[in-house]
N, C-alpha and C. Protein backbone atom coordinates (compact mmCIF):
# COMPACT_ATOMS: atom_id res chain seq x y z
N LEU A 1 -74.35 -152.58 -23.90
CA LEU A 1 -74.78 -151.28 -23.49
C LEU A 1 -75.89 -151.37 -22.49
N ILE A 2 -75.90 -150.65 -21.35
CA ILE A 2 -77.05 -150.79 -20.46
C ILE A 2 -77.54 -149.40 -20.18
N ILE A 3 -78.75 -149.17 -20.48
CA ILE A 3 -79.49 -147.85 -20.19
C ILE A 3 -80.42 -148.12 -19.01
N THR A 4 -80.16 -147.43 -17.83
CA THR A 4 -80.68 -147.45 -16.64
C THR A 4 -80.55 -146.29 -15.93
N GLY A 5 -81.40 -145.84 -15.11
CA GLY A 5 -81.42 -144.71 -14.29
C GLY A 5 -80.40 -145.08 -13.04
N GLU A 6 -80.21 -146.30 -12.82
CA GLU A 6 -79.31 -146.75 -11.69
C GLU A 6 -77.89 -146.97 -12.33
N TYR A 7 -77.45 -146.19 -13.17
CA TYR A 7 -76.17 -146.47 -13.86
C TYR A 7 -74.90 -146.57 -12.93
N GLU A 8 -74.99 -145.63 -11.83
CA GLU A 8 -73.86 -145.71 -10.86
C GLU A 8 -73.75 -147.10 -10.14
N GLN A 9 -74.94 -147.50 -9.57
CA GLN A 9 -74.98 -148.82 -8.81
C GLN A 9 -74.63 -150.00 -9.89
N VAL A 10 -75.17 -149.90 -11.05
CA VAL A 10 -74.85 -150.86 -12.01
C VAL A 10 -73.51 -151.09 -12.31
N ALA A 11 -72.78 -149.92 -12.50
CA ALA A 11 -71.36 -149.86 -12.82
C ALA A 11 -70.58 -150.45 -11.60
N ARG A 12 -70.99 -149.89 -10.44
CA ARG A 12 -70.15 -150.39 -9.27
C ARG A 12 -70.29 -151.91 -9.04
N GLN A 13 -71.46 -152.47 -9.30
CA GLN A 13 -71.78 -153.84 -9.07
C GLN A 13 -70.88 -154.73 -10.21
N ILE A 14 -70.81 -154.27 -11.43
CA ILE A 14 -70.03 -154.88 -12.39
C ILE A 14 -68.63 -154.92 -11.95
N GLY A 15 -68.12 -153.75 -11.38
CA GLY A 15 -66.68 -153.82 -10.94
C GLY A 15 -66.41 -154.71 -9.81
N GLU A 16 -67.37 -154.72 -8.84
CA GLU A 16 -67.18 -155.62 -7.69
C GLU A 16 -67.58 -157.07 -7.92
N LYS A 17 -68.59 -157.42 -8.60
CA LYS A 17 -68.98 -158.78 -8.70
C LYS A 17 -68.38 -159.47 -9.93
N LEU A 18 -68.27 -158.72 -11.00
CA LEU A 18 -67.73 -159.38 -12.27
C LEU A 18 -66.17 -159.08 -12.43
N ARG A 19 -65.75 -158.05 -11.74
CA ARG A 19 -64.29 -157.69 -11.76
C ARG A 19 -64.02 -157.30 -13.28
N ARG A 20 -65.03 -156.44 -13.82
CA ARG A 20 -64.91 -155.70 -15.12
C ARG A 20 -65.04 -154.44 -15.05
N GLY A 21 -64.33 -153.65 -15.87
CA GLY A 21 -64.38 -152.14 -15.86
C GLY A 21 -65.70 -151.60 -16.69
N THR A 22 -66.14 -150.41 -16.55
CA THR A 22 -67.17 -149.95 -17.22
C THR A 22 -66.78 -148.44 -17.65
N THR A 23 -67.54 -148.04 -18.68
CA THR A 23 -67.40 -146.68 -19.17
C THR A 23 -68.65 -145.91 -19.30
N PHE A 24 -68.88 -144.75 -18.87
CA PHE A 24 -70.21 -144.12 -19.02
C PHE A 24 -70.14 -143.36 -20.37
N LEU A 25 -71.10 -143.54 -21.18
CA LEU A 25 -71.33 -142.77 -22.44
C LEU A 25 -72.45 -141.78 -22.13
N TYR A 26 -72.51 -140.63 -22.66
CA TYR A 26 -73.56 -139.69 -22.45
C TYR A 26 -74.66 -139.94 -23.43
N GLY A 27 -75.87 -140.08 -23.08
CA GLY A 27 -76.94 -140.21 -23.95
C GLY A 27 -78.15 -139.26 -23.67
N GLU A 28 -78.95 -139.11 -24.59
CA GLU A 28 -80.24 -138.28 -24.46
C GLU A 28 -81.45 -139.16 -25.04
N GLY A 29 -82.45 -139.27 -24.30
CA GLY A 29 -83.74 -139.88 -24.74
C GLY A 29 -84.22 -139.08 -26.02
N SER A 30 -84.57 -139.78 -26.98
CA SER A 30 -85.05 -138.90 -28.21
C SER A 30 -86.48 -138.55 -27.97
N TYR A 31 -87.24 -139.28 -27.16
CA TYR A 31 -88.74 -139.04 -26.90
C TYR A 31 -88.81 -137.90 -25.75
N THR A 32 -88.07 -138.27 -24.56
CA THR A 32 -88.03 -137.46 -23.29
C THR A 32 -87.21 -136.17 -23.42
N GLY A 33 -86.05 -136.27 -24.20
CA GLY A 33 -85.13 -135.25 -24.24
C GLY A 33 -84.20 -135.24 -22.92
N LYS A 34 -84.45 -136.27 -22.06
CA LYS A 34 -83.70 -136.44 -20.79
C LYS A 34 -82.39 -136.90 -21.01
N GLU A 35 -81.37 -136.24 -20.40
CA GLU A 35 -79.98 -136.72 -20.44
C GLU A 35 -79.77 -137.85 -19.51
N THR A 36 -78.96 -138.79 -19.84
CA THR A 36 -78.59 -139.96 -19.05
C THR A 36 -77.21 -140.40 -19.32
N LYS A 37 -76.77 -141.38 -18.55
CA LYS A 37 -75.52 -142.05 -18.72
C LYS A 37 -75.75 -143.37 -19.19
N VAL A 38 -75.06 -143.94 -20.20
CA VAL A 38 -75.13 -145.33 -20.63
C VAL A 38 -74.01 -146.12 -20.20
N VAL A 39 -74.18 -147.24 -19.71
CA VAL A 39 -72.96 -148.09 -19.16
C VAL A 39 -72.48 -149.01 -20.38
N LEU A 40 -71.23 -148.87 -20.53
CA LEU A 40 -70.65 -149.75 -21.60
C LEU A 40 -69.71 -150.62 -20.85
N THR A 41 -69.73 -151.95 -21.07
CA THR A 41 -68.80 -152.87 -20.45
C THR A 41 -68.64 -154.09 -21.48
N ALA A 42 -67.47 -154.77 -21.30
CA ALA A 42 -67.20 -156.03 -22.07
C ALA A 42 -66.92 -157.04 -21.00
N VAL A 43 -67.76 -158.17 -21.23
CA VAL A 43 -67.62 -159.38 -20.35
C VAL A 43 -67.33 -160.64 -21.03
N LYS A 44 -66.72 -161.50 -20.51
CA LYS A 44 -66.47 -162.83 -21.24
C LYS A 44 -67.94 -163.57 -21.27
N ARG A 45 -68.04 -164.43 -22.31
CA ARG A 45 -69.28 -165.01 -22.60
C ARG A 45 -69.86 -165.74 -21.27
N GLN A 46 -68.90 -166.31 -20.61
CA GLN A 46 -69.48 -167.13 -19.33
C GLN A 46 -69.94 -166.08 -18.19
N GLN A 47 -69.71 -164.96 -18.45
CA GLN A 47 -70.17 -163.89 -17.37
C GLN A 47 -71.52 -163.30 -17.77
N LEU A 48 -72.03 -163.66 -19.04
CA LEU A 48 -73.12 -162.86 -19.59
C LEU A 48 -74.43 -163.03 -18.73
N ALA A 49 -74.83 -164.36 -18.27
CA ALA A 49 -75.98 -164.57 -17.60
C ALA A 49 -75.85 -163.80 -16.16
N GLU A 50 -74.72 -163.77 -15.60
CA GLU A 50 -74.50 -163.21 -14.37
C GLU A 50 -74.66 -161.60 -14.47
N LEU A 51 -74.22 -161.11 -15.60
CA LEU A 51 -74.37 -159.62 -15.93
C LEU A 51 -75.86 -159.28 -16.06
N LYS A 52 -76.56 -160.06 -16.83
CA LYS A 52 -77.97 -159.79 -17.01
C LYS A 52 -78.73 -159.90 -15.71
N GLU A 53 -78.44 -160.95 -14.85
CA GLU A 53 -79.16 -160.96 -13.51
C GLU A 53 -78.79 -159.81 -12.59
N LEU A 54 -77.46 -159.48 -12.60
CA LEU A 54 -77.00 -158.28 -11.79
C LEU A 54 -77.80 -156.97 -12.10
N VAL A 55 -77.78 -156.78 -13.46
CA VAL A 55 -78.57 -155.62 -13.84
C VAL A 55 -80.05 -155.62 -13.59
N THR A 56 -80.69 -156.66 -13.96
CA THR A 56 -82.18 -156.79 -13.70
C THR A 56 -82.46 -156.83 -12.27
N ASP A 57 -81.64 -157.29 -11.37
CA ASP A 57 -81.91 -157.24 -9.99
C ASP A 57 -81.86 -155.86 -9.49
N ILE A 58 -81.09 -154.92 -10.04
CA ILE A 58 -80.92 -153.49 -9.68
C ILE A 58 -82.13 -152.80 -10.26
N ASP A 59 -82.26 -153.04 -11.58
CA ASP A 59 -83.48 -152.22 -12.34
C ASP A 59 -84.03 -153.20 -13.22
N PRO A 60 -85.16 -153.79 -12.90
CA PRO A 60 -85.98 -154.69 -13.76
C PRO A 60 -86.32 -154.06 -15.13
N LYS A 61 -86.31 -152.66 -15.22
CA LYS A 61 -86.76 -152.03 -16.46
C LYS A 61 -85.58 -151.67 -17.21
N ALA A 62 -84.40 -151.96 -16.91
CA ALA A 62 -83.16 -151.59 -17.63
C ALA A 62 -83.19 -152.03 -18.97
N PHE A 63 -82.58 -151.37 -19.96
CA PHE A 63 -82.55 -151.70 -21.42
C PHE A 63 -81.32 -152.28 -21.59
N ILE A 64 -81.08 -153.57 -21.99
CA ILE A 64 -79.79 -154.11 -22.13
C ILE A 64 -79.57 -154.46 -23.62
N ILE A 65 -78.44 -154.12 -24.20
CA ILE A 65 -78.04 -154.59 -25.51
C ILE A 65 -76.93 -155.39 -25.49
N VAL A 66 -77.00 -156.63 -25.91
CA VAL A 66 -75.94 -157.63 -25.91
C VAL A 66 -75.37 -157.78 -27.39
N GLN A 67 -74.18 -157.49 -27.56
CA GLN A 67 -73.49 -157.54 -28.99
C GLN A 67 -72.34 -158.37 -28.82
N GLU A 68 -72.17 -159.36 -29.58
CA GLU A 68 -71.06 -160.16 -29.75
C GLU A 68 -69.81 -159.40 -30.30
N ALA A 69 -68.71 -159.43 -29.66
CA ALA A 69 -67.53 -158.80 -30.18
C ALA A 69 -66.63 -159.83 -30.90
N HIS A 70 -66.16 -159.47 -31.97
CA HIS A 70 -65.18 -160.24 -32.68
C HIS A 70 -63.92 -160.45 -31.92
N GLN A 71 -63.43 -159.42 -31.19
CA GLN A 71 -62.15 -159.41 -30.41
C GLN A 71 -62.16 -158.31 -29.44
N VAL A 72 -61.85 -158.55 -28.38
CA VAL A 72 -61.73 -157.55 -27.23
C VAL A 72 -60.29 -157.75 -26.71
N LEU A 73 -59.41 -156.51 -26.76
CA LEU A 73 -58.14 -156.59 -26.32
C LEU A 73 -57.97 -155.65 -25.22
N GLY A 74 -57.11 -155.93 -24.20
CA GLY A 74 -56.82 -155.16 -23.02
C GLY A 74 -56.90 -155.63 -21.83
N ASP A 75 -56.79 -155.04 -20.77
CA ASP A 75 -56.75 -155.73 -19.38
C ASP A 75 -57.83 -156.76 -19.09
N GLY A 76 -57.49 -157.87 -18.77
CA GLY A 76 -58.45 -158.97 -18.43
C GLY A 76 -58.90 -159.79 -19.64
N PHE A 77 -58.41 -159.24 -20.87
CA PHE A 77 -58.79 -159.93 -22.18
C PHE A 77 -57.45 -160.26 -22.87
N ALA A 78 -57.56 -160.57 -24.13
CA ALA A 78 -56.32 -160.93 -24.94
C ALA A 78 -55.51 -159.68 -25.09
N ARG A 79 -54.18 -159.82 -25.26
CA ARG A 79 -53.26 -158.78 -25.61
C ARG A 79 -53.10 -158.72 -27.13
N TYR A 80 -52.64 -157.59 -27.60
CA TYR A 80 -52.48 -157.43 -29.04
C TYR A 80 -51.30 -158.26 -29.61
N ASN A 81 -51.66 -158.85 -30.70
CA ASN A 81 -50.59 -159.72 -31.26
C ASN A 81 -50.54 -159.41 -32.75
N LYS A 82 -49.56 -158.80 -33.31
CA LYS A 82 -49.54 -158.33 -34.72
C LYS A 82 -49.68 -159.40 -35.76
N ASN A 83 -49.50 -160.70 -35.26
CA ASN A 83 -49.56 -161.87 -36.19
C ASN A 83 -50.98 -162.56 -36.26
N SER A 84 -51.92 -161.93 -35.31
CA SER A 84 -53.26 -162.47 -35.30
C SER A 84 -54.16 -161.41 -35.87
N LEU A 85 -55.36 -161.90 -36.22
CA LEU A 85 -56.45 -160.98 -36.88
C LEU A 85 -56.99 -160.08 -35.86
């Protein structure tokens, strides 16, 4: 998850440079009450350093949450197989 005021530029660069999709989630700051968009993306482990550099180059104050996923299915990742966990 990436929280930044530069969400459009971050999402565009993730698509162009990492060839990954993004989704905007709608959020609201609990302190400020300001509405914002949060960028959700899934990248492969080897792309993580590049993602962090890309985001911080655009917005050094961005808030980035990295969470390891047990499994990611879909375009660019594994396909569903009913015989696997």
